[in-house]
Amino acid sequence: MRSIPRNKIPWFPNIDYQKCTGCKTCFNFCKNNVYEWEDGNPSHPQVANPYNCVLGCSACAKLCPSGAISFLTLEEMRKIMKELRSGKVR
């Protein structure tokens, strides 16, 4: 089986800034430098390095007290991976 480049796999957090309270839980938790902190009014995390996110990890979403972080569903991810494996261009 051929390897799929990480930058072709859209597994990374999405932030709903309407829900984000700026608590820094995600930023402080993630040791892979996925997030950078954007100071401002309001201050909030920014997904600066999305492909540093570990495939299948969604711990930051589970830890987010306001439910502001989401990932693709397992069903969506399976569909995308099937397309990538078959060579279909996304």
PDB file of N, CA and C in Angstrom:
ATOM      1  N   MET A   1       0.850  -1.182   0.000  1.00  0.00           N
ATOM      2  CA  MET A   1       0.000   0.000   0.000  1.00  0.00           C
ATOM      3  C   MET A   1       0.890   1.237   0.000  1.00  0.00           C
ATOM      4  N   ARG A   2       0.544   2.190  -0.824  1.00  0.00           N
ATOM      5  CA  ARG A   2       1.331   3.415  -0.884  1.00  0.00           C
ATOM      6  C   ARG A   2       0.948   4.345   0.256  1.00  0.00           C
ATOM      7  N   SER A   3       1.912   5.124   0.645  1.00  0.00           N
ATOM      8  CA  SER A   3       1.710   6.053   1.753  1.00  0.00           C
ATOM      9  C   SER A   3       1.030   7.332   1.252  1.00  0.00           C
ATOM     10  N   ILE A   4       0.136   7.844   2.051  1.00  0.00           N
ATOM     11  CA  ILE A   4      -0.556   9.093   1.726  1.00  0.00           C
ATOM     12  C   ILE A   4       0.156  10.212   2.474  1.00  0.00           C
ATOM     13  N   PRO A   5       0.611  11.232   1.762  1.00  0.00           N
ATOM     14  CA  PRO A   5       1.285  12.342   2.441  1.00  0.00           C
ATOM     15  C   PRO A   5       0.366  12.992   3.485  1.00  0.00           C
ATOM     16  N   ARG A   6       0.934  13.329   4.622  1.00  0.00           N
ATOM     17  CA  ARG A   6       0.149  13.900   5.722  1.00  0.00           C
ATOM     18  C   ARG A   6      -0.593  15.157   5.298  1.00  0.00           C
ATOM     19  N   ASN A   7      -0.006  15.956   4.429  1.00  0.00           N
ATOM     20  CA  ASN A   7      -0.662  17.205   4.035  1.00  0.00           C
ATOM     21  C   ASN A   7      -1.843  16.992   3.094  1.00  0.00           C
ATOM     22  N   LYS A   8      -2.154  15.745   2.784  1.00  0.00           N
ATOM     23  CA  LYS A   8      -3.340  15.420   1.987  1.00  0.00           C
ATOM     24  C   LYS A   8      -4.495  14.953   2.876  1.00  0.00           C
ATOM     25  N   ILE A   9      -4.194  14.679   4.148  1.00  0.00           N
ATOM     26  CA  ILE A   9      -5.197  14.147   5.078  1.00  0.00           C
ATOM     27  C   ILE A   9      -5.716  15.294   5.949  1.00  0.00           C
ATOM     28  N   PRO A  10      -6.981  15.664   5.767  1.00  0.00           N
ATOM     29  CA  PRO A  10      -7.523  16.836   6.470  1.00  0.00           C
ATOM     30  C   PRO A  10      -7.966  16.559   7.910  1.00  0.00           C
ATOM     31  N   TRP A  11      -7.061  16.007   8.703  1.00  0.00           N
ATOM     32  CA  TRP A  11      -7.370  15.757  10.115  1.00  0.00           C
ATOM     33  C   TRP A  11      -6.700  16.836  10.955  1.00  0.00           C
ATOM     34  N   PHE A  12      -7.483  17.772  11.418  1.00  0.00           N
ATOM     35  CA  PHE A  12      -6.998  18.845  12.276  1.00  0.00           C
ATOM     36  C   PHE A  12      -8.214  19.515  12.916  1.00  0.00           C
ATOM     37  N   PRO A  13      -7.996  20.254  13.994  1.00  0.00           N
ATOM     38  CA  PRO A  13      -9.117  20.887  14.687  1.00  0.00           C
ATOM     39  C   PRO A  13      -9.707  22.070  13.922  1.00  0.00           C
ATOM     40  N   ASN A  14     -10.985  22.240  14.118  1.00  0.00           N
ATOM     41  CA  ASN A  14     -11.704  23.418  13.620  1.00  0.00           C
ATOM     42  C   ASN A  14     -12.277  24.122  14.845  1.00  0.00           C
ATOM     43  N   ILE A  15     -12.117  25.426  14.895  1.00  0.00           N
ATOM     44  CA  ILE A  15     -12.543  26.187  16.067  1.00  0.00           C
ATOM     45  C   ILE A  15     -13.756  27.049  15.731  1.00  0.00           C
ATOM     46  N   ASP A  16     -14.778  26.929  16.556  1.00  0.00           N
ATOM     47  CA  ASP A  16     -15.957  27.780  16.439  1.00  0.00           C
ATOM     48  C   ASP A  16     -15.718  28.968  17.368  1.00  0.00           C
ATOM     49  N   TYR A  17     -15.355  30.089  16.776  1.00  0.00           N
ATOM     50  CA  TYR A  17     -15.020  31.264  17.581  1.00  0.00           C
ATOM     51  C   TYR A  17     -16.226  31.882  18.279  1.00  0.00           C
ATOM     52  N   GLN A  18     -17.431  31.499  17.883  1.00  0.00           N
ATOM     53  CA  GLN A  18     -18.630  31.951  18.599  1.00  0.00           C
ATOM     54  C   GLN A  18     -18.724  31.268  19.960  1.00  0.00           C
ATOM     55  N   LYS A  19     -18.156  30.059  20.057  1.00  0.00           N
ATOM     56  CA  LYS A  19     -18.194  29.299  21.313  1.00  0.00           C
ATOM     57  C   LYS A  19     -16.922  29.453  22.146  1.00  0.00           C
ATOM     58  N   CYS A  20     -15.808  29.758  21.498  1.00  0.00           N
ATOM     59  CA  CYS A  20     -14.508  29.807  22.177  1.00  0.00           C
ATOM     60  C   CYS A  20     -14.492  30.907  23.235  1.00  0.00           C
ATOM     61  N   THR A  21     -14.071  30.535  24.440  1.00  0.00           N
ATOM     62  CA  THR A  21     -13.990  31.500  25.547  1.00  0.00           C
ATOM     63  C   THR A  21     -12.567  32.002  25.784  1.00  0.00           C
ATOM     64  N   GLY A  22     -11.605  31.473  25.019  1.00  0.00           N
ATOM     65  CA  GLY A  22     -10.223  31.910  25.191  1.00  0.00           C
ATOM     66  C   GLY A  22      -9.574  31.364  26.442  1.00  0.00           C
ATOM     67  N   CYS A  23      -9.976  30.184  26.873  1.00  0.00           N
ATOM     68  CA  CYS A  23      -9.469  29.621  28.130  1.00  0.00           C
ATOM     69  C   CYS A  23      -8.056  29.046  28.027  1.00  0.00           C
ATOM     70  N   LYS A  24      -7.567  28.840  26.823  1.00  0.00           N
ATOM     71  CA  LYS A  24      -6.230  28.305  26.530  1.00  0.00           C
ATOM     72  C   LYS A  24      -6.065  26.821  26.830  1.00  0.00           C
ATOM     73  N   THR A  25      -7.140  26.098  27.101  1.00  0.00           N
ATOM     74  CA  THR A  25      -7.025  24.667  27.387  1.00  0.00           C
ATOM     75  C   THR A  25      -6.387  23.931  26.209  1.00  0.00           C
ATOM     76  N   CYS A  26      -6.852  24.183  25.013  1.00  0.00           N
ATOM     77  CA  CYS A  26      -6.314  23.508  23.821  1.00  0.00           C
ATOM     78  C   CYS A  26      -4.851  23.883  23.594  1.00  0.00           C
ATOM     79  N   PHE A  27      -4.573  25.145  23.689  1.00  0.00           N
ATOM     80  CA  PHE A  27      -3.224  25.665  23.478  1.00  0.00           C
ATOM     81  C   PHE A  27      -2.239  25.062  24.476  1.00  0.00           C
ATOM     82  N   ASN A  28      -2.621  25.011  25.730  1.00  0.00           N
ATOM     83  CA  ASN A  28      -1.747  24.469  26.766  1.00  0.00           C
ATOM     84  C   ASN A  28      -1.615  22.949  26.672  1.00  0.00           C
ATOM     85  N   PHE A  29      -2.637  22.276  26.190  1.00  0.00           N
ATOM     86  CA  PHE A  29      -2.610  20.817  26.096  1.00  0.00           C
ATOM     87  C   PHE A  29      -1.746  20.313  24.945  1.00  0.00           C
ATOM     88  N   CYS A  30      -1.891  20.883  23.774  1.00  0.00           N
ATOM     89  CA  CYS A  30      -1.266  20.344  22.562  1.00  0.00           C
ATOM     90  C   CYS A  30       0.239  20.602  22.542  1.00  0.00           C
ATOM     91  N   LYS A  31       1.003  19.528  22.575  1.00  0.00           N
ATOM     92  CA  LYS A  31       2.470  19.621  22.568  1.00  0.00           C
ATOM     93  C   LYS A  31       3.041  19.522  21.149  1.00  0.00           C
ATOM     94  N   ASN A  32       2.165  19.479  20.155  1.00  0.00           N
ATOM     95  CA  ASN A  32       2.608  19.342  18.762  1.00  0.00           C
ATOM     96  C   ASN A  32       2.596  20.668  18.009  1.00  0.00           C
ATOM     97  N   ASN A  33       2.397  21.752  18.737  1.00  0.00           N
ATOM     98  CA  ASN A  33       2.404  23.096  18.144  1.00  0.00           C
ATOM     99  C   ASN A  33       1.378  23.269  17.031  1.00  0.00           C
ATOM    100  N   VAL A  34       0.227  22.617  17.195  1.00  0.00           N
ATOM    101  CA  VAL A  34      -0.857  22.804  16.234  1.00  0.00           C
ATOM    102  C   VAL A  34      -1.405  24.227  16.372  1.00  0.00           C
ATOM    103  N   TYR A  35      -1.489  24.687  17.615  1.00  0.00           N
ATOM    104  CA  TYR A  35      -2.076  25.995  17.900  1.00  0.00           C
ATOM    105  C   TYR A  35      -1.018  27.069  18.125  1.00  0.00           C
ATOM    106  N   GLU A  36      -1.387  28.278  17.745  1.00  0.00           N
ATOM    107  CA  GLU A  36      -0.676  29.475  18.172  1.00  0.00           C
ATOM    108  C   GLU A  36      -1.724  30.337  18.858  1.00  0.00           C
ATOM    109  N   TRP A  37      -1.272  31.188  19.769  1.00  0.00           N
ATOM    110  CA  TRP A  37      -2.212  32.036  20.485  1.00  0.00           C
ATOM    111  C   TRP A  37      -2.248  33.409  19.834  1.00  0.00           C
ATOM    112  N   GLU A  38      -3.445  33.838  19.481  1.00  0.00           N
ATOM    113  CA  GLU A  38      -3.625  35.138  18.849  1.00  0.00           C
ATOM    114  C   GLU A  38      -4.158  36.110  19.890  1.00  0.00           C
ATOM    115  N   ASP A  39      -3.296  37.023  20.292  1.00  0.00           N
ATOM    116  CA  ASP A  39      -3.723  38.049  21.246  1.00  0.00           C
ATOM    117  C   ASP A  39      -4.568  39.075  20.521  1.00  0.00           C
ATOM    118  N   GLY A  40      -5.540  39.538  21.182  1.00  0.00           N
ATOM    119  CA  GLY A  40      -6.427  40.529  20.600  1.00  0.00           C
ATOM    120  C   GLY A  40      -7.648  40.661  21.471  1.00  0.00           C
ATOM    121  N   ASN A  41      -8.677  41.193  20.920  1.00  0.00           N
ATOM    122  CA  ASN A  41      -9.915  41.347  21.659  1.00  0.00           C
ATOM    123  C   ASN A  41     -11.047  40.728  20.847  1.00  0.00           C
ATOM    124  N   PRO A  42     -11.386  39.486  21.090  1.00  0.00           N
ATOM    125  CA  PRO A  42     -10.887  38.607  22.144  1.00  0.00           C
ATOM    126  C   PRO A  42      -9.635  37.843  21.706  1.00  0.00           C
ATOM    127  N   SER A  43      -8.909  37.337  22.686  1.00  0.00           N
ATOM    128  CA  SER A  43      -7.771  36.463  22.431  1.00  0.00           C
ATOM    129  C   SER A  43      -8.300  35.065  22.181  1.00  0.00           C
ATOM    130  N   HIS A  44      -7.657  34.336  21.265  1.00  0.00           N
ATOM    131  CA  HIS A  44      -8.123  32.983  20.967  1.00  0.00           C
ATOM    132  C   HIS A  44      -7.031  32.169  20.281  1.00  0.00           C
ATOM    133  N   PRO A  45      -7.216  30.844  20.249  1.00  0.00           N
ATOM    134  CA  PRO A  45      -6.243  29.996  19.564  1.00  0.00           C
ATOM    135  C   PRO A  45      -6.449  30.086  18.059  1.00  0.00           C
ATOM    136  N   GLN A  46      -5.377  29.832  17.342  1.00  0.00           N
ATOM    137  CA  GLN A  46      -5.424  29.770  15.891  1.00  0.00           C
ATOM    138  C   GLN A  46      -4.761  28.453  15.490  1.00  0.00           C
ATOM    139  N   VAL A  47      -5.366  27.735  14.558  1.00  0.00           N
ATOM    140  CA  VAL A  47      -4.776  26.484  14.069  1.00  0.00           C
ATOM    141  C   VAL A  47      -3.708  26.885  13.052  1.00  0.00           C
ATOM    142  N   ALA A  48      -2.486  27.042  13.545  1.00  0.00           N
ATOM    143  CA  ALA A  48      -1.391  27.548  12.730  1.00  0.00           C
ATOM    144  C   ALA A  48      -0.641  26.442  11.997  1.00  0.00           C
ATOM    145  N   ASN A  49      -0.595  25.264  12.578  1.00  0.00           N
ATOM    146  CA  ASN A  49       0.137  24.132  12.003  1.00  0.00           C
ATOM    147  C   ASN A  49      -0.768  22.903  11.977  1.00  0.00           C
ATOM    148  N   PRO A  50      -1.782  22.921  11.113  1.00  0.00           N
ATOM    149  CA  PRO A  50      -2.785  21.858  11.142  1.00  0.00           C
ATOM    150  C   PRO A  50      -2.234  20.452  10.911  1.00  0.00           C
ATOM    151  N   TYR A  51      -1.190  20.333  10.110  1.00  0.00           N
ATOM    152  CA  TYR A  51      -0.679  19.006   9.790  1.00  0.00           C
ATOM    153  C   TYR A  51       0.298  18.474  10.833  1.00  0.00           C
ATOM    154  N   ASN A  52       0.490  19.236  11.915  1.00  0.00           N
ATOM    155  CA  ASN A  52       1.204  18.720  13.076  1.00  0.00           C
ATOM    156  C   ASN A  52       0.272  17.885  13.949  1.00  0.00           C
ATOM    157  N   CYS A  53      -1.024  17.983  13.705  1.00  0.00           N
ATOM    158  CA  CYS A  53      -2.006  17.252  14.498  1.00  0.00           C
ATOM    159  C   CYS A  53      -1.842  15.752  14.256  1.00  0.00           C
ATOM    160  N   VAL A  54      -1.837  14.993  15.332  1.00  0.00           N
ATOM    161  CA  VAL A  54      -1.698  13.538  15.248  1.00  0.00           C
ATOM    162  C   VAL A  54      -2.986  12.947  14.695  1.00  0.00           C
ATOM    163  N   LEU A  55      -2.854  12.136  13.653  1.00  0.00           N
ATOM    164  CA  LEU A  55      -4.030  11.507  13.046  1.00  0.00           C
ATOM    165  C   LEU A  55      -4.819  10.725  14.085  1.00  0.00           C
ATOM    166  N   GLY A  56      -6.092  11.002  14.159  1.00  0.00           N
ATOM    167  CA  GLY A  56      -6.980  10.309  15.092  1.00  0.00           C
ATOM    168  C   GLY A  56      -7.082  10.949  16.468  1.00  0.00           C
ATOM    169  N   CYS A  57      -6.192  11.878  16.778  1.00  0.00           N
ATOM    170  CA  CYS A  57      -6.242  12.527  18.086  1.00  0.00           C
ATOM    171  C   CYS A  57      -7.284  13.645  18.058  1.00  0.00           C
ATOM    172  N   SER A  58      -8.152  13.628  19.030  1.00  0.00           N
ATOM    173  CA  SER A  58      -9.132  14.709  19.182  1.00  0.00           C
ATOM    174  C   SER A  58      -9.253  15.102  20.652  1.00  0.00           C
ATOM    175  N   ALA A  59      -8.173  14.883  21.380  1.00  0.00           N
ATOM    176  CA  ALA A  59      -8.180  15.142  22.819  1.00  0.00           C
ATOM    177  C   ALA A  59      -8.481  16.598  23.143  1.00  0.00           C
ATOM    178  N   CYS A  60      -7.989  17.528  22.331  1.00  0.00           N
ATOM    179  CA  CYS A  60      -8.247  18.943  22.613  1.00  0.00           C
ATOM    180  C   CYS A  60      -9.736  19.248  22.541  1.00  0.00           C
ATOM    181  N   ALA A  61     -10.436  18.599  21.616  1.00  0.00           N
ATOM    182  CA  ALA A  61     -11.887  18.802  21.501  1.00  0.00           C
ATOM    183  C   ALA A  61     -12.608  18.262  22.729  1.00  0.00           C
ATOM    184  N   LYS A  62     -12.136  17.128  23.229  1.00  0.00           N
ATOM    185  CA  LYS A  62     -12.755  16.530  24.411  1.00  0.00           C
ATOM    186  C   LYS A  62     -12.493  17.366  25.659  1.00  0.00           C
ATOM    187  N   LEU A  63     -11.351  18.039  25.690  1.00  0.00           N
ATOM    188  CA  LEU A  63     -10.993  18.854  26.845  1.00  0.00           C
ATOM    189  C   LEU A  63     -11.613  20.247  26.825  1.00  0.00           C
ATOM    190  N   CYS A  64     -12.007  20.722  25.656  1.00  0.00           N
ATOM    191  CA  CYS A  64     -12.535  22.084  25.522  1.00  0.00           C
ATOM    192  C   CYS A  64     -13.830  22.248  26.329  1.00  0.00           C
ATOM    193  N   PRO A  65     -13.815  23.099  27.359  1.00  0.00           N
ATOM    194  CA  PRO A  65     -14.994  23.237  28.214  1.00  0.00           C
ATOM    195  C   PRO A  65     -16.200  23.883  27.519  1.00  0.00           C
ATOM    196  N   SER A  66     -15.961  24.600  26.429  1.00  0.00           N
ATOM    197  CA  SER A  66     -17.077  25.262  25.750  1.00  0.00           C
ATOM    198  C   SER A  66     -17.527  24.537  24.482  1.00  0.00           C
ATOM    199  N   GLY A  67     -16.884  23.402  24.163  1.00  0.00           N
ATOM    200  CA  GLY A  67     -17.278  22.642  22.978  1.00  0.00           C
ATOM    201  C   GLY A  67     -17.001  23.377  21.676  1.00  0.00           C
ATOM    202  N   ALA A  68     -15.955  24.201  21.660  1.00  0.00           N
ATOM    203  CA  ALA A  68     -15.661  25.038  20.495  1.00  0.00           C
ATOM    204  C   ALA A  68     -14.812  24.341  19.434  1.00  0.00           C
ATOM    205  N   ILE A  69     -14.278  23.163  19.744  1.00  0.00           N
ATOM    206  CA  ILE A  69     -13.376  22.479  18.822  1.00  0.00           C
ATOM    207  C   ILE A  69     -14.056  21.238  18.257  1.00  0.00           C
ATOM    208  N   SER A  70     -13.918  21.073  16.947  1.00  0.00           N
ATOM    209  CA  SER A  70     -14.490  19.887  16.309  1.00  0.00           C
ATOM    210  C   SER A  70     -13.505  19.328  15.285  1.00  0.00           C
ATOM    211  N   PHE A  71     -13.745  18.096  14.924  1.00  0.00           N
ATOM    212  CA  PHE A  71     -12.975  17.396  13.903  1.00  0.00           C
ATOM    213  C   PHE A  71     -13.951  16.753  12.935  1.00  0.00           C
ATOM    214  N   LEU A  72     -13.439  16.267  11.817  1.00  0.00           N
ATOM    215  CA  LEU A  72     -14.275  15.500  10.905  1.00  0.00           C
ATOM    216  C   LEU A  72     -14.857  14.318  11.655  1.00  0.00           C
ATOM    217  N   THR A  73     -16.010  13.844  11.221  1.00  0.00           N
ATOM    218  CA  THR A  73     -16.572  12.643  11.822  1.00  0.00           C
ATOM    219  C   THR A  73     -15.800  11.435  11.301  1.00  0.00           C
ATOM    220  N   LEU A  74     -15.934  10.331  11.984  1.00  0.00           N
ATOM    221  CA  LEU A  74     -15.284   9.095  11.551  1.00  0.00           C
ATOM    222  C   LEU A  74     -15.771   8.703  10.160  1.00  0.00           C
ATOM    223  N   GLU A  75     -17.044   8.888   9.902  1.00  0.00           N
ATOM    224  CA  GLU A  75     -17.613   8.573   8.588  1.00  0.00           C
ATOM    225  C   GLU A  75     -16.992   9.457   7.494  1.00  0.00           C
ATOM    226  N   GLU A  76     -16.884  10.750   7.765  1.00  0.00           N
ATOM    227  CA  GLU A  76     -16.270  11.659   6.790  1.00  0.00           C
ATOM    228  C   GLU A  76     -14.810  11.280   6.535  1.00  0.00           C
ATOM    229  N   MET A  77     -14.099  10.939   7.605  1.00  0.00           N
ATOM    230  CA  MET A  77     -12.690  10.583   7.470  1.00  0.00           C
ATOM    231  C   MET A  77     -12.522   9.291   6.676  1.00  0.00           C
ATOM    232  N   ARG A  78     -13.373   8.315   6.924  1.00  0.00           N
ATOM    233  CA  ARG A  78     -13.303   7.057   6.164  1.00  0.00           C
ATOM    234  C   ARG A  78     -13.513   7.301   4.673  1.00  0.00           C
ATOM    235  N   LYS A  79     -14.474   8.154   4.338  1.00  0.00           N
ATOM    236  CA  LYS A  79     -14.758   8.464   2.937  1.00  0.00           C
ATOM    237  C   LYS A  79     -13.550   9.131   2.281  1.00  0.00           C
ATOM    238  N   ILE A  80     -12.970  10.096   2.970  1.00  0.00           N
ATOM    239  CA  ILE A  80     -11.803  10.802   2.436  1.00  0.00           C
ATOM    240  C   ILE A  80     -10.626   9.853   2.256  1.00  0.00           C
ATOM    241  N   MET A  81     -10.385   9.003   3.252  1.00  0.00           N
ATOM    242  CA  MET A  81      -9.262   8.067   3.158  1.00  0.00           C
ATOM    243  C   MET A  81      -9.471   7.080   2.007  1.00  0.00           C
ATOM    244  N   LYS A  82     -10.685   6.648   1.817  1.00  0.00           N
ATOM    245  CA  LYS A  82     -10.987   5.739   0.698  1.00  0.00           C
ATOM    246  C   LYS A  82     -10.683   6.419  -0.630  1.00  0.00           C
ATOM    247  N   GLU A  83     -11.093   7.687  -0.760  1.00  0.00           N
ATOM    248  CA  GLU A  83     -10.809   8.446  -1.977  1.00  0.00           C
ATOM    249  C   GLU A  83      -9.304   8.632  -2.187  1.00  0.00           C
ATOM    250  N   LEU A  84      -8.596   8.950  -1.125  1.00  0.00           N
ATOM    251  CA  LEU A  84      -7.157   9.148  -1.234  1.00  0.00           C
ATOM    252  C   LEU A  84      -6.445   7.856  -1.618  1.00  0.00           C
ATOM    253  N   ARG A  85      -6.859   6.750  -1.031  1.00  0.00           N
ATOM    254  CA  ARG A  85      -6.246   5.452  -1.361  1.00  0.00           C
ATOM    255  C   ARG A  85      -6.511   5.032  -2.800  1.00  0.00           C
ATOM    256  N   SER A  86      -7.675   5.423  -3.318  1.00  0.00           N
ATOM    257  CA  SER A  86      -8.031   5.049  -4.693  1.00  0.00           C
ATOM    258  C   SER A  86      -7.361   5.957  -5.718  1.00  0.00           C
ATOM    259  N   GLY A  87      -6.716   7.025  -5.229  1.00  0.00           N
ATOM    260  CA  GLY A  87      -6.031   7.930  -6.134  1.00  0.00           C
ATOM    261  C   GLY A  87      -6.879   9.073  -6.646  1.00  0.00           C
ATOM    262  N   LYS A  88      -8.111   9.169  -6.171  1.00  0.00           N
ATOM    263  CA  LYS A  88      -8.957  10.298  -6.570  1.00  0.00           C
ATOM    264  C   LYS A  88      -8.366  11.582  -6.011  1.00  0.00           C
ATOM    265  N   VAL A  89      -8.323  12.590  -6.818  1.00  0.00           N
ATOM    266  CA  VAL A  89      -7.766  13.874  -6.388  1.00  0.00           C
ATOM    267  C   VAL A  89      -8.808  14.635  -5.593  1.00  0.00           C
ATOM    268  N   ARG A  90      -8.406  15.161  -4.463  1.00  0.00           N
ATOM    269  CA  ARG A  90      -9.272  15.989  -3.629  1.00  0.00           C
ATOM    270  C   ARG A  90      -8.932  17.420  -3.835  1.00  0.00           C
TER     271      ARG A  90
END
